Protein backbone atom coordinates (compact mmCIF):
# COMPACT_ATOMS: atom_id res chain seq x y z
CA MET A 1 10.87 6.30 9.68
CA GLY A 2 11.30 3.67 12.38
CA ILE A 3 10.05 -0.02 12.14
CA LEU A 4 6.88 0.93 14.35
CA SER A 5 6.04 3.78 12.24
CA TRP A 6 6.28 1.58 9.02
CA ILE A 7 4.07 -1.13 10.76
CA LEU A 8 1.46 1.55 11.78
CA MET A 9 1.50 3.26 8.41
CA GLY A 10 1.20 -0.27 6.87
CA LEU A 11 -1.82 -0.94 8.90
CA ILE A 12 -3.42 2.18 7.94
CA VAL A 13 -2.58 2.06 4.31
CA GLY A 14 -3.66 -1.59 4.06
CA VAL A 15 -6.90 -1.09 5.65
CA ILE A 16 -7.70 1.90 3.36
CA ALA A 17 -6.62 0.11 0.23
CA LYS A 18 -8.95 -2.79 1.06
CA LEU A 19 -11.73 -0.48 1.56
CA VAL A 20 -11.04 1.25 -1.74
CA MET A 21 -11.01 -2.21 -3.46
CA PRO A 22 -13.32 -4.43 -1.74
CA GLY A 23 -13.16 -8.03 -2.62
CA PRO A 24 -12.41 -11.61 -1.70
CA ASP A 25 -8.83 -11.03 -0.62
CA PRO A 26 -7.49 -13.74 1.83
CA GLY A 27 -5.35 -12.83 4.69
CA GLY A 28 -5.78 -11.15 8.00
CA ILE A 29 -4.16 -8.37 9.79
CA PHE A 30 -0.69 -9.37 9.06
CA LEU A 31 -1.23 -9.62 5.35
CA THR A 32 -2.98 -6.14 5.49
CA ILE A 33 0.14 -4.63 7.14
CA LEU A 34 2.50 -6.24 4.56
CA LEU A 35 0.15 -4.97 1.79
CA GLY A 36 0.52 -1.45 3.29
CA ILE A 37 4.13 -1.55 3.84
CA GLY A 38 4.65 -2.88 0.19
CA GLY A 39 2.34 -0.22 -0.98
CA ALA A 40 4.34 2.45 0.66
CA PHE A 41 7.52 1.15 -1.10
CA VAL A 42 5.75 0.93 -4.53
CA GLY A 43 3.97 4.32 -4.01
CA GLY A 44 7.36 6.09 -3.11
CA TYR A 45 9.12 4.60 -5.97
CA VAL A 46 6.43 5.49 -8.52
CA GLY A 47 6.02 8.94 -6.94
CA SER A 48 9.68 9.61 -7.08
CA PHE A 49 9.92 8.34 -10.78
CA LEU A 50 6.88 10.64 -11.90
CA GLY A 51 8.21 13.66 -9.86
CA LEU A 52 5.29 13.66 -7.41
CA GLY A 53 7.46 13.26 -4.21
CA SER A 54 8.24 10.20 -2.08
CA VAL A 55 6.93 8.66 1.20
CA THR A 56 8.61 10.64 3.83
CA GLY A 57 6.48 10.01 7.01
CA LEU A 58 2.94 9.92 8.14
CA ASN A 59 1.60 12.90 6.26
CA PRO A 60 -1.36 13.38 3.66
CA GLY A 61 0.90 13.16 0.59
CA SER A 62 2.74 10.14 1.74
CA LEU A 63 -0.48 8.53 2.72
CA LEU A 64 -1.87 9.08 -0.84
CA LEU A 65 1.11 7.69 -2.50
CA SER A 66 1.10 4.72 -0.16
CA VAL A 67 -2.51 3.93 -0.84
CA GLY A 68 -2.01 4.20 -4.56
CA GLY A 69 0.82 1.74 -4.33
CA ALA A 70 -1.05 -0.65 -2.27
CA VAL A 71 -4.16 -0.52 -4.65
CA LEU A 72 -1.64 -1.19 -7.50
CA ILE A 73 -0.51 -4.19 -5.73
CA LEU A 74 -3.98 -5.46 -5.20
CA ILE A 75 -4.74 -4.93 -8.84
CA LEU A 76 -1.60 -6.88 -9.91
CA HIS A 77 -2.34 -9.60 -7.32
CA ARG A 78 -5.90 -10.10 -8.41
CA THR A 79 -4.85 -10.09 -12.14
CA ILE A 80 -2.33 -12.85 -11.50
CA ARG A 81 -4.62 -14.80 -9.40
CA LYS A 82 -7.34 -14.77 -12.03
CA LYS A 83 -4.93 -16.39 -14.64
CA ARG A 84 -4.44 -19.38 -12.41
């Protein structure tokens, strides 16, 4: 995937992840894109590890893996932030 595809997918995945887990998360559009891109990496890694597939483009399977990874990142972020 090209850089523009990663940014577009990051935006879509980040927005979906924040809709799935609403809450007081700071950050605007840039942080949402980074959350989505990070979610794609985490989701692809976990999906490959579990034999579910990987993130290969803008398709439903990749989107689900990416959203799952982004939600996982949000959970970790909120857990770490609570401990402070």
